[in-house]
Structures are given as C-alpha cells and as structure tokens.
Amino acid sequence: MNTIQLEEAKRIAVKSAWDVLGPITSPIIKNPLDEDFYIEEQYCWMFFRNKDIILPNAFALNYDWSFVVSIWGDEINLHTLSYDNARLRKYAKNLSDHFKLDFDRSRLLSLKKD
C-alpha cells in the first residue's frame, strides 16, 4: 500500500476541516488548520483547528475537532478535549498504533485470501 507525505496529509486534513468548520468560519479565514502546530507520529499526523476560528461556547463541543490522517491517507476527525501537549502527543501515539494495527490486519486478511 502506498504511503503519503506531510503535504498530502495536510491537504486531506484541510478538506476535512472545511467540511466541519466551514459553516461557522468567517470568509477571511484562509486556512482552517493551525499552521504552526501539528503532531507527527510514525503512522499519522494530527492537525488542529486554526485558533483564529472563534467557537462560541454553544458550538465548542460540536466544532472543536482534531483532524488525524494516516500515512496511508485514512482520516479520523476527533473532538479535541484537551490542549495539554503531553496528552495530545500520547493520544497521537495511540492513534498511530491504531492505524498500524489496522494496516497489519488488512495485510494479513489479503494474504489469507490469496
């Protein structure tokens, strides 16, 4: 299975972010992602909402998302429940492990079919 690089992962995450945040985002916002902060793990990247997108309290739970993209181009959108750097890095590591396990399972299943 082919893998993607950071720039392609960013494009995937930007599309997901616009899908989620577009309805509440000012037209002056050009990038829905935080351009200065993301987390890279072995099998995925975790991107975060641009902090210039202000979320009213009523919308915070519905729109405060992280956008995770695997090195295989799979994506998961998750609520960002904490901005504690250590917790985020641990969470990204767990997601990376999840993507790796899914890839290994898929590969094993395809080998069994042959």
N, C-alpha and C. Protein backbone atom coordinates (compact mmCIF):
# COMPACT_ATOMS: atom_id res chain seq x y z
N MET A 1 0.84 -1.18 0.00
CA MET A 1 0.00 0.00 0.00
C MET A 1 0.89 1.24 0.00
N ASN A 2 0.56 2.20 -0.84
CA ASN A 2 1.34 3.42 -0.94
C ASN A 2 1.13 4.32 0.27
N THR A 3 2.16 5.06 0.62
CA THR A 3 2.05 6.00 1.73
C THR A 3 2.09 7.43 1.19
N ILE A 4 1.59 8.34 2.00
CA ILE A 4 1.59 9.75 1.62
C ILE A 4 2.59 10.51 2.49
N GLN A 5 2.88 11.72 2.07
CA GLN A 5 3.79 12.59 2.80
C GLN A 5 2.99 13.69 3.51
N LEU A 6 3.69 14.48 4.28
CA LEU A 6 3.06 15.52 5.09
C LEU A 6 2.17 16.46 4.27
N GLU A 7 2.62 16.92 3.13
CA GLU A 7 1.83 17.89 2.35
C GLU A 7 0.50 17.31 1.91
N GLU A 8 0.49 16.04 1.50
CA GLU A 8 -0.77 15.40 1.12
C GLU A 8 -1.66 15.22 2.34
N ALA A 9 -1.08 14.85 3.47
CA ALA A 9 -1.85 14.72 4.72
C ALA A 9 -2.50 16.05 5.08
N LYS A 10 -1.76 17.14 4.91
CA LYS A 10 -2.32 18.47 5.19
C LYS A 10 -3.50 18.76 4.28
N ARG A 11 -3.38 18.42 2.99
CA ARG A 11 -4.49 18.66 2.06
C ARG A 11 -5.74 17.88 2.49
N ILE A 12 -5.55 16.64 2.90
CA ILE A 12 -6.68 15.83 3.37
C ILE A 12 -7.30 16.45 4.62
N ALA A 13 -6.45 16.87 5.55
CA ALA A 13 -6.93 17.47 6.80
C ALA A 13 -7.64 18.80 6.55
N VAL A 14 -7.13 19.60 5.63
CA VAL A 14 -7.77 20.87 5.30
C VAL A 14 -9.17 20.63 4.76
N LYS A 15 -9.32 19.66 3.86
CA LYS A 15 -10.65 19.35 3.32
C LYS A 15 -11.60 18.93 4.44
N SER A 16 -11.14 18.06 5.32
CA SER A 16 -11.98 17.63 6.45
C SER A 16 -12.34 18.80 7.35
N ALA A 17 -11.36 19.67 7.59
CA ALA A 17 -11.60 20.82 8.46
C ALA A 17 -12.63 21.77 7.85
N TRP A 18 -12.54 22.01 6.54
CA TRP A 18 -13.54 22.87 5.90
C TRP A 18 -14.92 22.23 5.99
N ASP A 19 -14.99 20.91 5.81
CA ASP A 19 -16.28 20.22 5.90
C ASP A 19 -16.92 20.45 7.27
N VAL A 20 -16.11 20.39 8.32
CA VAL A 20 -16.62 20.54 9.69
C VAL A 20 -16.81 22.01 10.06
N LEU A 21 -15.81 22.83 9.78
CA LEU A 21 -15.78 24.20 10.28
C LEU A 21 -16.35 25.24 9.32
N GLY A 22 -16.48 24.89 8.06
CA GLY A 22 -16.94 25.85 7.06
C GLY A 22 -18.19 26.62 7.43
N PRO A 23 -19.23 25.95 7.94
CA PRO A 23 -20.47 26.66 8.25
C PRO A 23 -20.34 27.76 9.31
N ILE A 24 -19.31 27.69 10.15
CA ILE A 24 -19.18 28.69 11.22
C ILE A 24 -17.94 29.56 11.06
N THR A 25 -17.26 29.45 9.93
CA THR A 25 -15.99 30.14 9.74
C THR A 25 -16.16 31.42 8.93
N SER A 26 -15.52 32.47 9.38
CA SER A 26 -15.53 33.75 8.66
C SER A 26 -14.84 33.58 7.31
N PRO A 27 -15.34 34.26 6.29
CA PRO A 27 -14.70 34.18 4.96
C PRO A 27 -13.26 34.70 4.95
N ILE A 28 -12.86 35.47 5.95
CA ILE A 28 -11.48 35.97 5.95
C ILE A 28 -10.47 34.91 6.36
N ILE A 29 -10.94 33.80 6.92
CA ILE A 29 -10.06 32.69 7.31
C ILE A 29 -9.67 31.94 6.04
N LYS A 30 -8.38 31.85 5.77
CA LYS A 30 -7.90 31.18 4.55
C LYS A 30 -7.49 29.73 4.79
N ASN A 31 -7.14 29.39 6.03
CA ASN A 31 -6.75 28.02 6.35
C ASN A 31 -7.44 27.62 7.65
N PRO A 32 -8.23 26.55 7.64
CA PRO A 32 -8.94 26.16 8.86
C PRO A 32 -8.04 25.47 9.89
N LEU A 33 -6.80 25.16 9.50
CA LEU A 33 -5.89 24.46 10.41
C LEU A 33 -4.89 25.42 11.05
N ASP A 34 -4.45 25.07 12.23
CA ASP A 34 -3.36 25.78 12.90
C ASP A 34 -2.10 25.53 12.07
N GLU A 35 -1.54 26.56 11.49
CA GLU A 35 -0.37 26.39 10.62
C GLU A 35 0.93 26.18 11.39
N ASP A 36 0.91 26.50 12.67
CA ASP A 36 2.13 26.43 13.47
C ASP A 36 2.25 25.18 14.33
N PHE A 37 1.17 24.43 14.47
CA PHE A 37 1.22 23.29 15.38
C PHE A 37 0.49 22.09 14.81
N TYR A 38 1.19 21.00 14.73
CA TYR A 38 0.61 19.69 14.43
C TYR A 38 1.52 18.68 15.09
N ILE A 39 1.03 17.46 15.22
CA ILE A 39 1.82 16.40 15.84
C ILE A 39 2.07 15.33 14.79
N GLU A 40 3.31 14.90 14.69
CA GLU A 40 3.67 13.84 13.75
C GLU A 40 4.08 12.61 14.54
N GLU A 41 3.48 11.50 14.19
CA GLU A 41 3.85 10.20 14.76
C GLU A 41 4.30 9.30 13.61
N GLN A 42 4.69 8.10 13.94
CA GLN A 42 5.23 7.20 12.92
C GLN A 42 4.24 6.91 11.80
N TYR A 43 2.96 6.75 12.16
CA TYR A 43 1.97 6.34 11.16
C TYR A 43 0.86 7.36 10.92
N CYS A 44 0.97 8.55 11.52
CA CYS A 44 -0.07 9.55 11.30
C CYS A 44 0.39 10.95 11.68
N TRP A 45 -0.43 11.91 11.28
CA TRP A 45 -0.27 13.30 11.68
C TRP A 45 -1.57 13.74 12.33
N MET A 46 -1.49 14.60 13.31
CA MET A 46 -2.67 15.14 13.98
C MET A 46 -2.64 16.66 13.82
N PHE A 47 -3.69 17.19 13.20
CA PHE A 47 -3.79 18.63 12.93
C PHE A 47 -4.91 19.21 13.79
N PHE A 48 -4.84 20.53 14.01
CA PHE A 48 -5.77 21.19 14.92
C PHE A 48 -6.39 22.42 14.27
N ARG A 49 -7.52 22.82 14.83
CA ARG A 49 -8.28 23.97 14.34
C ARG A 49 -7.44 25.25 14.46
N ASN A 50 -7.55 26.08 13.46
CA ASN A 50 -6.95 27.41 13.48
C ASN A 50 -7.57 28.19 14.64
N LYS A 51 -6.74 28.70 15.53
CA LYS A 51 -7.24 29.41 16.72
C LYS A 51 -7.91 30.74 16.37
N ASP A 52 -7.75 31.21 15.14
CA ASP A 52 -8.47 32.42 14.71
C ASP A 52 -9.95 32.13 14.46
N ILE A 53 -10.30 30.86 14.38
CA ILE A 53 -11.71 30.49 14.26
C ILE A 53 -12.26 30.43 15.68
N ILE A 54 -13.03 31.44 16.03
CA ILE A 54 -13.56 31.55 17.38
C ILE A 54 -14.84 30.71 17.48
N LEU A 55 -14.85 29.84 18.47
CA LEU A 55 -16.02 28.99 18.68
C LEU A 55 -16.84 29.52 19.85
N PRO A 56 -18.08 29.92 19.60
CA PRO A 56 -18.94 30.28 20.73
C PRO A 56 -19.11 29.06 21.63
N ASN A 57 -19.30 29.28 22.91
CA ASN A 57 -19.43 28.17 23.86
C ASN A 57 -20.45 27.14 23.40
N ALA A 58 -21.55 27.61 22.83
CA ALA A 58 -22.60 26.68 22.40
C ALA A 58 -22.12 25.74 21.29
N PHE A 59 -21.08 26.15 20.55
CA PHE A 59 -20.58 25.34 19.44
C PHE A 59 -19.31 24.57 19.77
N ALA A 60 -18.69 24.87 20.89
CA ALA A 60 -17.36 24.31 21.18
C ALA A 60 -17.34 22.79 21.07
N LEU A 61 -18.30 22.12 21.67
CA LEU A 61 -18.29 20.66 21.64
C LEU A 61 -18.53 20.13 20.22
N ASN A 62 -19.33 20.84 19.45
CA ASN A 62 -19.66 20.38 18.10
C ASN A 62 -18.57 20.65 17.07
N TYR A 63 -17.72 21.65 17.31
CA TYR A 63 -16.79 22.06 16.27
C TYR A 63 -15.32 22.06 16.66
N ASP A 64 -14.98 21.77 17.92
CA ASP A 64 -13.57 21.78 18.30
C ASP A 64 -12.97 20.41 18.02
N TRP A 65 -12.51 20.24 16.79
CA TRP A 65 -12.06 18.95 16.30
C TRP A 65 -10.57 18.94 16.04
N SER A 66 -10.03 17.72 16.07
CA SER A 66 -8.69 17.44 15.56
C SER A 66 -8.88 16.62 14.29
N PHE A 67 -7.95 16.74 13.39
CA PHE A 67 -8.05 16.07 12.10
C PHE A 67 -6.81 15.20 11.96
N VAL A 68 -7.01 13.88 11.99
CA VAL A 68 -5.91 12.93 12.01
C VAL A 68 -5.87 12.21 10.67
N VAL A 69 -4.68 12.14 10.08
CA VAL A 69 -4.51 11.50 8.77
C VAL A 69 -3.37 10.49 8.89
N SER A 70 -3.64 9.26 8.45
CA SER A 70 -2.61 8.22 8.49
C SER A 70 -1.66 8.37 7.31
N ILE A 71 -0.54 7.67 7.38
CA ILE A 71 0.41 7.70 6.26
C ILE A 71 -0.15 7.00 5.03
N TRP A 72 -1.29 6.33 5.19
CA TRP A 72 -1.96 5.67 4.06
C TRP A 72 -3.11 6.51 3.53
N GLY A 73 -3.33 7.70 4.13
CA GLY A 73 -4.37 8.60 3.65
C GLY A 73 -5.72 8.42 4.32
N ASP A 74 -5.82 7.52 5.30
CA ASP A 74 -7.06 7.37 6.06
C ASP A 74 -7.20 8.56 6.99
N GLU A 75 -8.44 8.92 7.30
CA GLU A 75 -8.63 10.07 8.17
C GLU A 75 -9.65 9.77 9.27
N ILE A 76 -9.43 10.43 10.39
CA ILE A 76 -10.34 10.37 11.52
C ILE A 76 -10.47 11.80 12.05
N ASN A 77 -11.69 12.23 12.28
CA ASN A 77 -11.92 13.53 12.92
C ASN A 77 -12.37 13.27 14.35
N LEU A 78 -11.73 13.94 15.29
CA LEU A 78 -11.99 13.69 16.71
C LEU A 78 -12.21 14.99 17.46
N HIS A 79 -13.05 14.93 18.48
CA HIS A 79 -13.19 16.09 19.37
C HIS A 79 -11.87 16.33 20.07
N THR A 80 -11.47 17.58 20.16
CA THR A 80 -10.27 17.94 20.92
C THR A 80 -10.74 18.27 22.33
N LEU A 81 -10.51 17.35 23.25
CA LEU A 81 -10.99 17.53 24.61
C LEU A 81 -9.95 18.19 25.51
N SER A 82 -8.72 18.26 25.05
CA SER A 82 -7.65 18.86 25.85
C SER A 82 -6.60 19.43 24.91
N TYR A 83 -5.99 20.52 25.32
CA TYR A 83 -4.86 21.05 24.57
C TYR A 83 -3.56 20.89 25.34
N ASP A 84 -3.56 19.98 26.31
CA ASP A 84 -2.35 19.67 27.05
C ASP A 84 -1.41 18.92 26.10
N ASN A 85 -0.22 19.47 25.88
CA ASN A 85 0.71 18.94 24.89
C ASN A 85 1.04 17.47 25.14
N ALA A 86 1.31 17.09 26.38
CA ALA A 86 1.67 15.70 26.68
C ALA A 86 0.50 14.76 26.38
N ARG A 87 -0.70 15.18 26.73
CA ARG A 87 -1.88 14.34 26.44
C ARG A 87 -2.11 14.20 24.94
N LEU A 88 -1.96 15.30 24.22
CA LEU A 88 -2.15 15.25 22.78
C LEU A 88 -1.13 14.32 22.12
N ARG A 89 0.11 14.40 22.56
CA ARG A 89 1.15 13.54 21.98
C ARG A 89 0.89 12.07 22.29
N LYS A 90 0.42 11.79 23.50
CA LYS A 90 0.08 10.40 23.85
C LYS A 90 -1.10 9.91 23.00
N TYR A 91 -2.09 10.77 22.83
CA TYR A 91 -3.25 10.43 22.02
C TYR A 91 -2.83 10.17 20.57
N ALA A 92 -1.97 11.02 20.03
CA ALA A 92 -1.49 10.83 18.66
C ALA A 92 -0.72 9.52 18.54
N LYS A 93 0.07 9.18 19.53
CA LYS A 93 0.81 7.91 19.53
C LYS A 93 -0.15 6.73 19.51
N ASN A 94 -1.21 6.80 20.33
CA ASN A 94 -2.21 5.73 20.35
C ASN A 94 -2.91 5.60 19.00
N LEU A 95 -3.23 6.73 18.38
CA LEU A 95 -3.85 6.70 17.06
C LEU A 95 -2.91 6.13 16.01
N SER A 96 -1.64 6.48 16.10
CA SER A 96 -0.64 5.93 15.20
C SER A 96 -0.59 4.41 15.32
N ASP A 97 -0.58 3.93 16.56
CA ASP A 97 -0.59 2.48 16.79
C ASP A 97 -1.84 1.84 16.22
N HIS A 98 -2.98 2.52 16.36
CA HIS A 98 -4.25 2.03 15.81
C HIS A 98 -4.16 1.89 14.28
N PHE A 99 -3.65 2.91 13.62
CA PHE A 99 -3.52 2.85 12.16
C PHE A 99 -2.59 1.70 11.75
N LYS A 100 -1.51 1.51 12.47
CA LYS A 100 -0.57 0.42 12.17
C LYS A 100 -1.25 -0.93 12.32
N LEU A 101 -2.00 -1.11 13.41
CA LEU A 101 -2.71 -2.38 13.61
C LEU A 101 -3.72 -2.63 12.50
N ASP A 102 -4.47 -1.60 12.12
CA ASP A 102 -5.43 -1.75 11.03
C ASP A 102 -4.74 -2.14 9.74
N PHE A 103 -3.61 -1.52 9.46
CA PHE A 103 -2.85 -1.86 8.25
C PHE A 103 -2.38 -3.30 8.31
N ASP A 104 -1.83 -3.72 9.45
CA ASP A 104 -1.35 -5.10 9.60
C ASP A 104 -2.49 -6.09 9.43
N ARG A 105 -3.66 -5.80 10.02
CA ARG A 105 -4.82 -6.69 9.87
C ARG A 105 -5.25 -6.80 8.41
N SER A 106 -5.31 -5.66 7.74
CA SER A 106 -5.71 -5.66 6.33
C SER A 106 -4.74 -6.48 5.48
N ARG A 107 -3.47 -6.32 5.76
CA ARG A 107 -2.46 -7.06 5.01
C ARG A 107 -2.59 -8.56 5.26
N LEU A 108 -2.81 -8.95 6.51
CA LEU A 108 -2.98 -10.37 6.83
C LEU A 108 -4.21 -10.94 6.15
N LEU A 109 -5.31 -10.19 6.16
CA LEU A 109 -6.53 -10.66 5.51
C LEU A 109 -6.32 -10.83 4.01
N SER A 110 -5.60 -9.91 3.40
CA SER A 110 -5.37 -10.04 1.96
C SER A 110 -4.46 -11.23 1.65
N LEU A 111 -3.53 -11.54 2.54
CA LEU A 111 -2.66 -12.71 2.34
C LEU A 111 -3.46 -14.00 2.47
N LYS A 112 -4.41 -14.03 3.39
CA LYS A 112 -5.24 -15.23 3.58
C LYS A 112 -6.12 -15.50 2.38
N LYS A 113 -6.55 -14.44 1.68
CA LYS A 113 -7.40 -14.60 0.51
C LYS A 113 -6.64 -15.18 -0.67
N ASP A 114 -5.33 -14.96 -0.69
CA ASP A 114 -4.51 -15.45 -1.81
C ASP A 114 -4.28 -16.89 -1.69
